[in-house]
Amino acid sequence: MGEVAEDHRKADVAPIYTKGKEEDPGNYRPDSHSSIPGKVMGQLMLETISRHMNKTVITRSTEHGLTTRKSCLTNLMNFHDEMTSLVDDKRAVDTVYLDFRKVFDTLSQKILTDKLLKYRLDEQ
């Protein structure tokens, strides 16, 4: 898989306040302003990855991220339908909420690249 030019990987990042005490750095999220070539390259990569995922069927039918005609909204609607059905059937329902907002700030580029190679995206 080809390397992305150093200039295209750079972005201006500004902190955006989210909630809580303004003096707490944890209450800010990064807002990234990427270069135009970087955005174009990102879109091309997204299209290539999506096409490969659809062609090789490496995701489950329940996957909603990076999937054609599916989104966070369709995921939420499916979840709601399933939970409502279980409650209607008088079955027990437990829900665990996880907050992944900050997890992608620590994503290892090496691990991501290795996973993309594992799924043979270097052949696209």
PDB file of N, CA and C in Angstrom:
ATOM      1  N   MET A   1       0.854  -1.162   0.000  1.00  0.00           N
ATOM      2  CA  MET A   1       0.000   0.000   0.000  1.00  0.00           C
ATOM      3  C   MET A   1       0.902   1.228   0.000  1.00  0.00           C
ATOM      4  N   GLY A   2       0.612   2.189  -0.820  1.00  0.00           N
ATOM      5  CA  GLY A   2       1.466   3.366  -0.946  1.00  0.00           C
ATOM      6  C   GLY A   2       1.420   4.266   0.270  1.00  0.00           C
ATOM      7  N   GLU A   3       2.472   5.003   0.441  1.00  0.00           N
ATOM      8  CA  GLU A   3       2.553   5.953   1.550  1.00  0.00           C
ATOM      9  C   GLU A   3       1.836   7.244   1.172  1.00  0.00           C
ATOM     10  N   VAL A   4       1.203   7.854   2.144  1.00  0.00           N
ATOM     11  CA  VAL A   4       0.570   9.151   1.955  1.00  0.00           C
ATOM     12  C   VAL A   4       1.633  10.209   2.222  1.00  0.00           C
ATOM     13  N   ALA A   5       1.717  11.201   1.344  1.00  0.00           N
ATOM     14  CA  ALA A   5       2.725  12.254   1.484  1.00  0.00           C
ATOM     15  C   ALA A   5       2.615  12.916   2.853  1.00  0.00           C
ATOM     16  N   GLU A   6       3.766  13.246   3.431  1.00  0.00           N
ATOM     17  CA  GLU A   6       3.815  13.854   4.774  1.00  0.00           C
ATOM     18  C   GLU A   6       2.931  15.097   4.867  1.00  0.00           C
ATOM     19  N   ASP A   7       2.968  15.969   3.853  1.00  0.00           N
ATOM     20  CA  ASP A   7       2.162  17.190   3.870  1.00  0.00           C
ATOM     21  C   ASP A   7       0.659  16.893   3.885  1.00  0.00           C
ATOM     22  N   HIS A   8       0.269  15.762   3.298  1.00  0.00           N
ATOM     23  CA  HIS A   8      -1.148  15.412   3.223  1.00  0.00           C
ATOM     24  C   HIS A   8      -1.649  14.817   4.526  1.00  0.00           C
ATOM     25  N   ARG A   9      -0.734  14.376   5.387  1.00  0.00           N
ATOM     26  CA  ARG A   9      -1.119  13.807   6.669  1.00  0.00           C
ATOM     27  C   ARG A   9      -1.195  14.871   7.753  1.00  0.00           C
ATOM     28  N   LYS A  10      -0.710  16.052   7.482  1.00  0.00           N
ATOM     29  CA  LYS A  10      -0.719  17.126   8.470  1.00  0.00           C
ATOM     30  C   LYS A  10      -2.051  17.853   8.447  1.00  0.00           C
ATOM     31  N   ALA A  11      -2.434  18.376   9.615  1.00  0.00           N
ATOM     32  CA  ALA A  11      -3.676  19.142   9.719  1.00  0.00           C
ATOM     33  C   ALA A  11      -3.520  20.161  10.829  1.00  0.00           C
ATOM     34  N   ASP A  12      -4.232  21.245  10.696  1.00  0.00           N
ATOM     35  CA  ASP A  12      -4.317  22.208  11.785  1.00  0.00           C
ATOM     36  C   ASP A  12      -5.391  21.696  12.732  1.00  0.00           C
ATOM     37  N   VAL A  13      -5.046  21.566  14.003  1.00  0.00           N
ATOM     38  CA  VAL A  13      -5.987  21.040  14.987  1.00  0.00           C
ATOM     39  C   VAL A  13      -6.270  22.120  16.025  1.00  0.00           C
ATOM     40  N   ALA A  14      -7.543  22.349  16.271  1.00  0.00           N
ATOM     41  CA  ALA A  14      -7.964  23.334  17.266  1.00  0.00           C
ATOM     42  C   ALA A  14      -8.836  22.635  18.299  1.00  0.00           C
ATOM     43  N   PRO A  15      -8.692  23.004  19.580  1.00  0.00           N
ATOM     44  CA  PRO A  15      -9.542  22.388  20.609  1.00  0.00           C
ATOM     45  C   PRO A  15     -10.947  22.986  20.587  1.00  0.00           C
ATOM     46  N   ILE A  16     -11.955  22.129  20.629  1.00  0.00           N
ATOM     47  CA  ILE A  16     -13.353  22.557  20.672  1.00  0.00           C
ATOM     48  C   ILE A  16     -13.939  22.122  22.011  1.00  0.00           C
ATOM     49  N   TYR A  17     -14.436  23.075  22.782  1.00  0.00           N
ATOM     50  CA  TYR A  17     -15.024  22.787  24.088  1.00  0.00           C
ATOM     51  C   TYR A  17     -16.279  21.934  23.928  1.00  0.00           C
ATOM     52  N   THR A  18     -16.418  20.897  24.775  1.00  0.00           N
ATOM     53  CA  THR A  18     -17.592  20.022  24.701  1.00  0.00           C
ATOM     54  C   THR A  18     -18.519  20.206  25.891  1.00  0.00           C
ATOM     55  N   LYS A  19     -17.999  19.981  27.123  1.00  0.00           N
ATOM     56  CA  LYS A  19     -18.847  20.083  28.305  1.00  0.00           C
ATOM     57  C   LYS A  19     -17.977  20.127  29.557  1.00  0.00           C
ATOM     58  N   GLY A  20     -18.587  20.468  30.685  1.00  0.00           N
ATOM     59  CA  GLY A  20     -17.860  20.450  31.952  1.00  0.00           C
ATOM     60  C   GLY A  20     -17.054  21.716  32.177  1.00  0.00           C
ATOM     61  N   LYS A  21     -16.059  21.596  33.067  1.00  0.00           N
ATOM     62  CA  LYS A  21     -15.215  22.743  33.403  1.00  0.00           C
ATOM     63  C   LYS A  21     -14.294  23.095  32.240  1.00  0.00           C
ATOM     64  N   GLU A  22     -14.295  24.344  31.872  1.00  0.00           N
ATOM     65  CA  GLU A  22     -13.492  24.782  30.725  1.00  0.00           C
ATOM     66  C   GLU A  22     -11.993  24.649  30.976  1.00  0.00           C
ATOM     67  N   GLU A  23     -11.563  24.649  32.240  1.00  0.00           N
ATOM     68  CA  GLU A  23     -10.133  24.529  32.523  1.00  0.00           C
ATOM     69  C   GLU A  23      -9.630  23.080  32.456  1.00  0.00           C
ATOM     70  N   ASP A  24     -10.553  22.117  32.312  1.00  0.00           N
ATOM     71  CA  ASP A  24     -10.166  20.705  32.202  1.00  0.00           C
ATOM     72  C   ASP A  24      -9.909  20.362  30.734  1.00  0.00           C
ATOM     73  N   PRO A  25      -8.655  20.047  30.373  1.00  0.00           N
ATOM     74  CA  PRO A  25      -8.338  19.734  28.974  1.00  0.00           C
ATOM     75  C   PRO A  25      -9.130  18.535  28.434  1.00  0.00           C
ATOM     76  N   GLY A  26      -9.587  17.642  29.312  1.00  0.00           N
ATOM     77  CA  GLY A  26     -10.362  16.482  28.875  1.00  0.00           C
ATOM     78  C   GLY A  26     -11.747  16.828  28.364  1.00  0.00           C
ATOM     79  N   ASN A  27     -12.167  18.081  28.578  1.00  0.00           N
ATOM     80  CA  ASN A  27     -13.487  18.506  28.131  1.00  0.00           C
ATOM     81  C   ASN A  27     -13.454  19.191  26.764  1.00  0.00           C
ATOM     82  N   TYR A  28     -12.400  18.935  26.019  1.00  0.00           N
ATOM     83  CA  TYR A  28     -12.261  19.468  24.670  1.00  0.00           C
ATOM     84  C   TYR A  28     -12.041  18.319  23.700  1.00  0.00           C
ATOM     85  N   ARG A  29     -12.539  18.479  22.494  1.00  0.00           N
ATOM     86  CA  ARG A  29     -12.270  17.490  21.441  1.00  0.00           C
ATOM     87  C   ARG A  29     -11.471  18.182  20.351  1.00  0.00           C
ATOM     88  N   PRO A  30     -10.630  17.417  19.664  1.00  0.00           N
ATOM     89  CA  PRO A  30      -9.848  18.040  18.592  1.00  0.00           C
ATOM     90  C   PRO A  30     -10.695  18.265  17.344  1.00  0.00           C
ATOM     91  N   ASP A  31     -10.522  19.404  16.716  1.00  0.00           N
ATOM     92  CA  ASP A  31     -11.178  19.710  15.449  1.00  0.00           C
ATOM     93  C   ASP A  31     -10.072  19.862  14.418  1.00  0.00           C
ATOM     94  N   SER A  32     -10.070  18.980  13.438  1.00  0.00           N
ATOM     95  CA  SER A  32      -8.983  18.920  12.474  1.00  0.00           C
ATOM     96  C   SER A  32      -9.361  19.582  11.160  1.00  0.00           C
ATOM     97  N   HIS A  33      -8.466  20.423  10.656  1.00  0.00           N
ATOM     98  CA  HIS A  33      -8.636  21.051   9.352  1.00  0.00           C
ATOM     99  C   HIS A  33      -7.531  20.522   8.448  1.00  0.00           C
ATOM    100  N   SER A  34      -7.891  19.538   7.628  1.00  0.00           N
ATOM    101  CA  SER A  34      -6.910  18.867   6.764  1.00  0.00           C
ATOM    102  C   SER A  34      -6.707  19.628   5.465  1.00  0.00           C
ATOM    103  N   SER A  35      -5.618  19.276   4.790  1.00  0.00           N
ATOM    104  CA  SER A  35      -5.356  19.875   3.478  1.00  0.00           C
ATOM    105  C   SER A  35      -6.331  19.299   2.453  1.00  0.00           C
ATOM    106  N   ILE A  36      -6.584  20.038   1.388  1.00  0.00           N
ATOM    107  CA  ILE A  36      -7.485  19.576   0.324  1.00  0.00           C
ATOM    108  C   ILE A  36      -6.966  18.276  -0.296  1.00  0.00           C
ATOM    109  N   PRO A  37      -5.666  18.195  -0.667  1.00  0.00           N
ATOM    110  CA  PRO A  37      -5.183  16.911  -1.207  1.00  0.00           C
ATOM    111  C   PRO A  37      -5.353  15.769  -0.208  1.00  0.00           C
ATOM    112  N   GLY A  38      -5.177  16.054   1.084  1.00  0.00           N
ATOM    113  CA  GLY A  38      -5.364  15.029   2.105  1.00  0.00           C
ATOM    114  C   GLY A  38      -6.804  14.555   2.177  1.00  0.00           C
ATOM    115  N   LYS A  39      -7.743  15.492   2.053  1.00  0.00           N
ATOM    116  CA  LYS A  39      -9.164  15.137   2.071  1.00  0.00           C
ATOM    117  C   LYS A  39      -9.530  14.307   0.845  1.00  0.00           C
ATOM    118  N   VAL A  40      -9.009  14.693  -0.315  1.00  0.00           N
ATOM    119  CA  VAL A  40      -9.278  13.937  -1.544  1.00  0.00           C
ATOM    120  C   VAL A  40      -8.711  12.527  -1.414  1.00  0.00           C
ATOM    121  N   MET A  41      -7.480  12.419  -0.910  1.00  0.00           N
ATOM    122  CA  MET A  41      -6.863  11.109  -0.725  1.00  0.00           C
ATOM    123  C   MET A  41      -7.678  10.275   0.260  1.00  0.00           C
ATOM    124  N   GLY A  42      -8.151  10.898   1.330  1.00  0.00           N
ATOM    125  CA  GLY A  42      -8.974  10.193   2.308  1.00  0.00           C
ATOM    126  C   GLY A  42     -10.254   9.666   1.696  1.00  0.00           C
ATOM    127  N   GLN A  43     -10.894  10.475   0.839  1.00  0.00           N
ATOM    128  CA  GLN A  43     -12.124  10.036   0.178  1.00  0.00           C
ATOM    129  C   GLN A  43     -11.850   8.877  -0.775  1.00  0.00           C
ATOM    130  N   LEU A  44     -10.738   8.961  -1.518  1.00  0.00           N
ATOM    131  CA  LEU A  44     -10.372   7.861  -2.417  1.00  0.00           C
ATOM    132  C   LEU A  44     -10.110   6.578  -1.633  1.00  0.00           C
ATOM    133  N   MET A  45      -9.431   6.717  -0.493  1.00  0.00           N
ATOM    134  CA  MET A  45      -9.159   5.542   0.334  1.00  0.00           C
ATOM    135  C   MET A  45     -10.456   4.952   0.883  1.00  0.00           C
ATOM    136  N   LEU A  46     -11.385   5.812   1.331  1.00  0.00           N
ATOM    137  CA  LEU A  46     -12.669   5.342   1.838  1.00  0.00           C
ATOM    138  C   LEU A  46     -13.426   4.577   0.755  1.00  0.00           C
ATOM    139  N   GLU A  47     -13.464   5.124  -0.451  1.00  0.00           N
ATOM    140  CA  GLU A  47     -14.158   4.457  -1.553  1.00  0.00           C
ATOM    141  C   GLU A  47     -13.517   3.114  -1.874  1.00  0.00           C
ATOM    142  N   THR A  48     -12.187   3.064  -1.876  1.00  0.00           N
ATOM    143  CA  THR A  48     -11.478   1.820  -2.174  1.00  0.00           C
ATOM    144  C   THR A  48     -11.744   0.772  -1.094  1.00  0.00           C
ATOM    145  N   ILE A  49     -11.657   1.195   0.170  1.00  0.00           N
ATOM    146  CA  ILE A  49     -11.905   0.267   1.270  1.00  0.00           C
ATOM    147  C   ILE A  49     -13.354  -0.226   1.244  1.00  0.00           C
ATOM    148  N   SER A  50     -14.304   0.674   1.015  1.00  0.00           N
ATOM    149  CA  SER A  50     -15.722   0.294   0.962  1.00  0.00           C
ATOM    150  C   SER A  50     -15.987  -0.688  -0.167  1.00  0.00           C
ATOM    151  N   ARG A  51     -15.427  -0.414  -1.342  1.00  0.00           N
ATOM    152  CA  ARG A  51     -15.613  -1.304  -2.491  1.00  0.00           C
ATOM    153  C   ARG A  51     -15.040  -2.680  -2.184  1.00  0.00           C
ATOM    154  N   HIS A  52     -13.850  -2.709  -1.582  1.00  0.00           N
ATOM    155  CA  HIS A  52     -13.201  -3.982  -1.242  1.00  0.00           C
ATOM    156  C   HIS A  52     -14.028  -4.745  -0.201  1.00  0.00           C
ATOM    157  N   MET A  53     -14.532  -4.033   0.812  1.00  0.00           N
ATOM    158  CA  MET A  53     -15.329  -4.690   1.847  1.00  0.00           C
ATOM    159  C   MET A  53     -16.602  -5.285   1.268  1.00  0.00           C
ATOM    160  N   ASN A  54     -17.245  -4.566   0.354  1.00  0.00           N
ATOM    161  CA  ASN A  54     -18.472  -5.069  -0.265  1.00  0.00           C
ATOM    162  C   ASN A  54     -18.185  -6.255  -1.176  1.00  0.00           C
ATOM    163  N   LYS A  55     -17.053  -6.210  -1.881  1.00  0.00           N
ATOM    164  CA  LYS A  55     -16.705  -7.269  -2.829  1.00  0.00           C
ATOM    165  C   LYS A  55     -16.285  -8.553  -2.116  1.00  0.00           C
ATOM    166  N   THR A  56     -15.512  -8.426  -1.039  1.00  0.00           N
ATOM    167  CA  THR A  56     -14.969  -9.608  -0.372  1.00  0.00           C
ATOM    168  C   THR A  56     -15.794 -10.052   0.836  1.00  0.00           C
ATOM    169  N   VAL A  57     -16.788  -9.294   1.188  1.00  0.00           N
ATOM    170  CA  VAL A  57     -17.685  -9.609   2.301  1.00  0.00           C
ATOM    171  C   VAL A  57     -16.895  -9.975   3.559  1.00  0.00           C
ATOM    172  N   ILE A  58     -16.080  -9.032   4.047  1.00  0.00           N
ATOM    173  CA  ILE A  58     -15.311  -9.272   5.270  1.00  0.00           C
ATOM    174  C   ILE A  58     -16.007  -8.705   6.501  1.00  0.00           C
ATOM    175  N   THR A  59     -17.183  -8.116   6.302  1.00  0.00           N
ATOM    176  CA  THR A  59     -17.944  -7.605   7.437  1.00  0.00           C
ATOM    177  C   THR A  59     -19.256  -8.366   7.547  1.00  0.00           C
ATOM    178  N   ARG A  60     -19.812  -8.338   8.735  1.00  0.00           N
ATOM    179  CA  ARG A  60     -21.109  -8.988   8.973  1.00  0.00           C
ATOM    180  C   ARG A  60     -22.225  -8.103   8.438  1.00  0.00           C
ATOM    181  N   SER A  61     -23.389  -8.690   8.240  1.00  0.00           N
ATOM    182  CA  SER A  61     -24.539  -7.917   7.765  1.00  0.00           C
ATOM    183  C   SER A  61     -24.997  -6.916   8.810  1.00  0.00           C
ATOM    184  N   THR A  62     -24.594  -7.113  10.062  1.00  0.00           N
ATOM    185  CA  THR A  62     -24.982  -6.191  11.127  1.00  0.00           C
ATOM    186  C   THR A  62     -24.062  -4.971  11.212  1.00  0.00           C
ATOM    187  N   GLU A  63     -23.001  -4.930  10.411  1.00  0.00           N
ATOM    188  CA  GLU A  63     -22.071  -3.795  10.412  1.00  0.00           C
ATOM    189  C   GLU A  63     -22.743  -2.569   9.791  1.00  0.00           C
ATOM    190  N   HIS A  64     -22.606  -1.426  10.434  1.00  0.00           N
ATOM    191  CA  HIS A  64     -23.208  -0.197   9.919  1.00  0.00           C
ATOM    192  C   HIS A  64     -22.163   0.853   9.556  1.00  0.00           C
ATOM    193  N   GLY A  65     -20.968   0.792  10.132  1.00  0.00           N
ATOM    194  CA  GLY A  65     -19.932   1.764   9.831  1.00  0.00           C
ATOM    195  C   GLY A  65     -19.282   1.482   8.489  1.00  0.00           C
ATOM    196  N   LEU A  66     -19.037   2.510   7.694  1.00  0.00           N
ATOM    197  CA  LEU A  66     -18.404   2.398   6.377  1.00  0.00           C
ATOM    198  C   LEU A  66     -19.130   1.405   5.467  1.00  0.00           C
ATOM    199  N   THR A  67     -20.445   1.315   5.620  1.00  0.00           N
ATOM    200  CA  THR A  67     -21.234   0.364   4.845  1.00  0.00           C
ATOM    201  C   THR A  67     -22.260   1.123   4.017  1.00  0.00           C
ATOM    202  N   THR A  68     -22.392   0.766   2.758  1.00  0.00           N
ATOM    203  CA  THR A  68     -23.318   1.435   1.858  1.00  0.00           C
ATOM    204  C   THR A  68     -24.749   1.337   2.375  1.00  0.00           C
ATOM    205  N   ARG A  69     -25.452   2.441   2.362  1.00  0.00           N
ATOM    206  CA  ARG A  69     -26.853   2.555   2.774  1.00  0.00           C
ATOM    207  C   ARG A  69     -27.078   2.219   4.248  1.00  0.00           C
ATOM    208  N   LYS A  70     -26.034   2.288   5.063  1.00  0.00           N
ATOM    209  CA  LYS A  70     -26.173   2.086   6.507  1.00  0.00           C
ATOM    210  C   LYS A  70     -25.424   3.206   7.212  1.00  0.00           C
ATOM    211  N   SER A  71     -25.868   3.515   8.435  1.00  0.00           N
ATOM    212  CA  SER A  71     -25.275   4.637   9.156  1.00  0.00           C
ATOM    213  C   SER A  71     -25.489   4.456  10.651  1.00  0.00           C
ATOM    214  N   CYS A  72     -25.082   5.440  11.429  1.00  0.00           N
ATOM    215  CA  CYS A  72     -25.358   5.435  12.867  1.00  0.00           C
ATOM    216  C   CYS A  72     -26.864   5.389  13.100  1.00  0.00           C
ATOM    217  N   LEU A  73     -27.622   6.083  12.260  1.00  0.00           N
ATOM    218  CA  LEU A  73     -29.073   6.118  12.421  1.00  0.00           C
ATOM    219  C   LEU A  73     -29.685   4.733  12.173  1.00  0.00           C
ATOM    220  N   THR A  74     -29.274   4.041  11.105  1.00  0.00           N
ATOM    221  CA  THR A  74     -29.827   2.709  10.853  1.00  0.00           C
ATOM    222  C   THR A  74     -29.418   1.739  11.959  1.00  0.00           C
ATOM    223  N   ASN A  75     -28.211   1.916  12.504  1.00  0.00           N
ATOM    224  CA  ASN A  75     -27.766   1.088  13.619  1.00  0.00           C
ATOM    225  C   ASN A  75     -28.669   1.316  14.831  1.00  0.00           C
ATOM    226  N   LEU A  76     -28.940   2.573  15.139  1.00  0.00           N
ATOM    227  CA  LEU A  76     -29.800   2.919  16.268  1.00  0.00           C
ATOM    228  C   LEU A  76     -31.218   2.389  16.065  1.00  0.00           C
ATOM    229  N   MET A  77     -31.726   2.490  14.854  1.00  0.00           N
ATOM    230  CA  MET A  77     -33.076   1.991  14.565  1.00  0.00           C
ATOM    231  C   MET A  77     -33.146   0.472  14.742  1.00  0.00           C
ATOM    232  N   ASN A  78     -32.136  -0.247  14.255  1.00  0.00           N
ATOM    233  CA  ASN A  78     -32.113  -1.704  14.431  1.00  0.00           C
ATOM    234  C   ASN A  78     -32.040  -2.078  15.901  1.00  0.00           C
ATOM    235  N   PHE A  79     -31.188  -1.372  16.639  1.00  0.00           N
ATOM    236  CA  PHE A  79     -31.058  -1.624  18.072  1.00  0.00           C
ATOM    237  C   PHE A  79     -32.395  -1.396  18.770  1.00  0.00           C
ATOM    238  N   HIS A  80     -33.060  -0.287  18.473  1.00  0.00           N
ATOM    239  CA  HIS A  80     -34.352   0.034  19.075  1.00  0.00           C
ATOM    240  C   HIS A  80     -35.375  -1.051  18.758  1.00  0.00           C
ATOM    241  N   ASP A  81     -35.437  -1.477  17.503  1.00  0.00           N
ATOM    242  CA  ASP A  81     -36.386  -2.521  17.106  1.00  0.00           C
ATOM    243  C   ASP A  81     -36.137  -3.823  17.861  1.00  0.00           C
ATOM    244  N   GLU A  82     -34.870  -4.210  17.984  1.00  0.00           N
ATOM    245  CA  GLU A  82     -34.545  -5.452  18.690  1.00  0.00           C
ATOM    246  C   GLU A  82     -34.902  -5.362  20.170  1.00  0.00           C
ATOM    247  N   MET A  83     -34.550  -4.244  20.812  1.00  0.00           N
ATOM    248  CA  MET A  83     -34.843  -4.085  22.242  1.00  0.00           C
ATOM    249  C   MET A  83     -36.354  -4.027  22.481  1.00  0.00           C
ATOM    250  N   THR A  84     -37.084  -3.315  21.636  1.00  0.00           N
ATOM    251  CA  THR A  84     -38.534  -3.226  21.764  1.00  0.00           C
ATOM    252  C   THR A  84     -39.169  -4.599  21.623  1.00  0.00           C
ATOM    253  N   SER A  85     -38.699  -5.375  20.678  1.00  0.00           N
ATOM    254  CA  SER A  85     -39.215  -6.727  20.468  1.00  0.00           C
ATOM    255  C   SER A  85     -38.974  -7.608  21.695  1.00  0.00           C
ATOM    256  N   LEU A  86     -37.789  -7.508  22.280  1.00  0.00           N
ATOM    257  CA  LEU A  86     -37.486  -8.293  23.485  1.00  0.00           C
ATOM    258  C   LEU A  86     -38.379  -7.882  24.652  1.00  0.00           C
ATOM    259  N   VAL A  87     -38.576  -6.585  24.841  1.00  0.00           N
ATOM    260  CA  VAL A  87     -39.435  -6.098  25.921  1.00  0.00           C
ATOM    261  C   VAL A  87     -40.879  -6.536  25.680  1.00  0.00           C
ATOM    262  N   ASP A  88     -41.357  -6.448  24.438  1.00  0.00           N
ATOM    263  CA  ASP A  88     -42.720  -6.890  24.103  1.00  0.00           C
ATOM    264  C   ASP A  88     -42.916  -8.368  24.423  1.00  0.00           C
ATOM    265  N   ASP A  89     -41.841  -9.151  24.243  1.00  0.00           N
ATOM    266  CA  ASP A  89     -41.894 -10.595  24.550  1.00  0.00           C
ATOM    267  C   ASP A  89     -41.642 -10.871  26.023  1.00  0.00           C
ATOM    268  N   LYS A  90     -41.574  -9.805  26.830  1.00  0.00           N
ATOM    269  CA  LYS A  90     -41.332  -9.882  28.267  1.00  0.00           C
ATOM    270  C   LYS A  90     -40.025 -10.606  28.617  1.00  0.00           C
ATOM    271  N   ARG A  91     -39.024 -10.362  27.788  1.00  0.00           N
ATOM    272  CA  ARG A  91     -37.695 -10.928  28.031  1.00  0.00           C
ATOM    273  C   ARG A  91     -36.813  -9.867  28.678  1.00  0.00           C
ATOM    274  N   ALA A  92     -35.831 -10.326  29.418  1.00  0.00           N
ATOM    275  CA  ALA A  92     -34.913  -9.408  30.092  1.00  0.00           C
ATOM    276  C   ALA A  92     -34.007  -8.726  29.069  1.00  0.00           C
ATOM    277  N   VAL A  93     -33.722  -7.458  29.300  1.00  0.00           N
ATOM    278  CA  VAL A  93     -32.855  -6.694  28.407  1.00  0.00           C
ATOM    279  C   VAL A  93     -31.817  -5.968  29.246  1.00  0.00           C
ATOM    280  N   ASP A  94     -30.557  -6.187  28.954  1.00  0.00           N
ATOM    281  CA  ASP A  94     -29.458  -5.451  29.579  1.00  0.00           C
ATOM    282  C   ASP A  94     -28.746  -4.679  28.491  1.00  0.00           C
ATOM    283  N   THR A  95     -28.385  -3.453  28.787  1.00  0.00           N
ATOM    284  CA  THR A  95     -27.682  -2.624  27.813  1.00  0.00           C
ATOM    285  C   THR A  95     -26.440  -2.044  28.464  1.00  0.00           C
ATOM    286  N   VAL A  96     -25.327  -2.087  27.749  1.00  0.00           N
ATOM    287  CA  VAL A  96     -24.077  -1.492  28.208  1.00  0.00           C
ATOM    288  C   VAL A  96     -23.722  -0.387  27.226  1.00  0.00           C
ATOM    289  N   TYR A  97     -23.484   0.813  27.738  1.00  0.00           N
ATOM    290  CA  TYR A  97     -23.110   1.946  26.895  1.00  0.00           C
ATOM    291  C   TYR A  97     -21.615   2.182  27.034  1.00  0.00           C
ATOM    292  N   LEU A  98     -20.934   2.269  25.931  1.00  0.00           N
ATOM    293  CA  LEU A  98     -19.501   2.540  25.910  1.00  0.00           C
ATOM    294  C   LEU A  98     -19.257   3.862  25.205  1.00  0.00           C
ATOM    295  N   ASP A  99     -18.299   4.612  25.696  1.00  0.00           N
ATOM    296  CA  ASP A  99     -17.971   5.907  25.102  1.00  0.00           C
ATOM    297  C   ASP A  99     -16.617   5.790  24.403  1.00  0.00           C
ATOM    298  N   PHE A 100     -16.628   5.793  23.083  1.00  0.00           N
ATOM    299  CA  PHE A 100     -15.407   5.628  22.300  1.00  0.00           C
ATOM    300  C   PHE A 100     -14.875   6.957  21.766  1.00  0.00           C
ATOM    301  N   ARG A 101     -15.343   8.079  22.294  1.00  0.00           N
ATOM    302  CA  ARG A 101     -14.951   9.379  21.745  1.00  0.00           C
ATOM    303  C   ARG A 101     -13.448   9.568  21.655  1.00  0.00           C
ATOM    304  N   LYS A 102     -12.717   9.126  22.658  1.00  0.00           N
ATOM    305  CA  LYS A 102     -11.286   9.413  22.702  1.00  0.00           C
ATOM    306  C   LYS A 102     -10.419   8.256  22.207  1.00  0.00           C
ATOM    307  N   VAL A 103     -11.021   7.115  21.920  1.00  0.00           N
ATOM    308  CA  VAL A 103     -10.230   5.943  21.576  1.00  0.00           C
ATOM    309  C   VAL A 103      -9.434   6.134  20.284  1.00  0.00           C
ATOM    310  N   PHE A 104      -9.973   6.868  19.318  1.00  0.00           N
ATOM    311  CA  PHE A 104      -9.303   6.998  18.037  1.00  0.00           C
ATOM    312  C   PHE A 104      -8.131   7.973  18.080  1.00  0.00           C
ATOM    313  N   ASP A 105      -8.022   8.746  19.166  1.00  0.00           N
ATOM    314  CA  ASP A 105      -6.868   9.625  19.324  1.00  0.00           C
ATOM    315  C   ASP A 105      -5.593   8.816  19.543  1.00  0.00           C
ATOM    316  N   THR A 106      -5.735   7.573  19.989  1.00  0.00           N
ATOM    317  CA  THR A 106      -4.574   6.747  20.319  1.00  0.00           C
ATOM    318  C   THR A 106      -4.398   5.588  19.341  1.00  0.00           C
ATOM    319  N   LEU A 107      -5.100   5.611  18.227  1.00  0.00           N
ATOM    320  CA  LEU A 107      -5.025   4.540  17.247  1.00  0.00           C
ATOM    321  C   LEU A 107      -3.625   4.457  16.650  1.00  0.00           C
ATOM    322  N   SER A 108      -3.042   3.283  16.723  1.00  0.00           N
ATOM    323  CA  SER A 108      -1.707   3.062  16.171  1.00  0.00           C
ATOM    324  C   SER A 108      -1.789   2.926  14.653  1.00  0.00           C
ATOM    325  N   GLN A 109      -1.059   3.767  13.938  1.00  0.00           N
ATOM    326  CA  GLN A 109      -1.044   3.694  12.479  1.00  0.00           C
ATOM    327  C   GLN A 109      -0.461   2.361  12.009  1.00  0.00           C
ATOM    328  N   LYS A 110       0.498   1.815  12.748  1.00  0.00           N
ATOM    329  CA  LYS A 110       1.114   0.520  12.394  1.00  0.00           C
ATOM    330  C   LYS A 110       0.060  -0.589  12.477  1.00  0.00           C
ATOM    331  N   ILE A 111      -0.712  -0.608  13.570  1.00  0.00           N
ATOM    332  CA  ILE A 111      -1.746  -1.635  13.725  1.00  0.00           C
ATOM    333  C   ILE A 111      -2.787  -1.495  12.622  1.00  0.00           C
ATOM    334  N   LEU A 112      -3.200  -0.256  12.322  1.00  0.00           N
ATOM    335  CA  LEU A 112      -4.185  -0.031  11.268  1.00  0.00           C
ATOM    336  C   LEU A 112      -3.654  -0.509   9.921  1.00  0.00           C
ATOM    337  N   THR A 113      -2.427  -0.155   9.599  1.00  0.00           N
ATOM    338  CA  THR A 113      -1.824  -0.583   8.330  1.00  0.00           C
ATOM    339  C   THR A 113      -1.731  -2.103   8.257  1.00  0.00           C
ATOM    340  N   ASP A 114      -1.322  -2.750   9.352  1.00  0.00           N
ATOM    341  CA  ASP A 114      -1.236  -4.210   9.379  1.00  0.00           C
ATOM    342  C   ASP A 114      -2.594  -4.858   9.132  1.00  0.00           C
ATOM    343  N   LYS A 115      -3.648  -4.290   9.719  1.00  0.00           N
ATOM    344  CA  LYS A 115      -4.990  -4.844   9.518  1.00  0.00           C
ATOM    345  C   LYS A 115      -5.446  -4.660   8.069  1.00  0.00           C
ATOM    346  N   LEU A 116      -5.143  -3.497   7.491  1.00  0.00           N
ATOM    347  CA  LEU A 116      -5.516  -3.275   6.093  1.00  0.00           C
ATOM    348  C   LEU A 116      -4.790  -4.258   5.174  1.00  0.00           C
ATOM    349  N   LEU A 117      -3.518  -4.517   5.469  1.00  0.00           N
ATOM    350  CA  LEU A 117      -2.762  -5.488   4.677  1.00  0.00           C
ATOM    351  C   LEU A 117      -3.320  -6.894   4.865  1.00  0.00           C
ATOM    352  N   LYS A 118      -3.740  -7.217   6.080  1.00  0.00           N
ATOM    353  CA  LYS A 118      -4.323  -8.532   6.369  1.00  0.00           C
ATOM    354  C   LYS A 118      -5.548  -8.796   5.496  1.00  0.00           C
ATOM    355  N   TYR A 119      -6.325  -7.734   5.268  1.00  0.00           N
ATOM    356  CA  TYR A 119      -7.514  -7.866   4.437  1.00  0.00           C
ATOM    357  C   TYR A 119      -7.215  -7.600   2.967  1.00  0.00           C
ATOM    358  N   ARG A 120      -5.941  -7.608   2.611  1.00  0.00           N
ATOM    359  CA  ARG A 120      -5.462  -7.526   1.233  1.00  0.00           C
ATOM    360  C   ARG A 120      -5.849  -6.231   0.530  1.00  0.00           C
ATOM    361  N   LEU A 121      -5.922  -5.141   1.277  1.00  0.00           N
ATOM    362  CA  LEU A 121      -6.255  -3.863   0.661  1.00  0.00           C
ATOM    363  C   LEU A 121      -5.081  -3.283  -0.130  1.00  0.00           C
ATOM    364  N   ASP A 122      -3.891  -3.862   0.022  1.00  0.00           N
ATOM    365  CA  ASP A 122      -2.751  -3.386  -0.746  1.00  0.00           C
ATOM    366  C   ASP A 122      -2.852  -3.814  -2.194  1.00  0.00           C
ATOM    367  N   GLU A 123      -3.789  -4.699  -2.515  1.00  0.00           N
ATOM    368  CA  GLU A 123      -3.946  -5.182  -3.887  1.00  0.00           C
ATOM    369  C   GLU A 123      -4.939  -4.339  -4.672  1.00  0.00           C
ATOM    370  N   GLN A 124      -5.569  -3.363  -4.044  1.00  0.00           N
ATOM    371  CA  GLN A 124      -6.621  -2.576  -4.698  1.00  0.00           C
ATOM    372  C   GLN A 124      -6.035  -1.507  -5.582  1.00  0.00           C
TER     373      GLN A 124
END
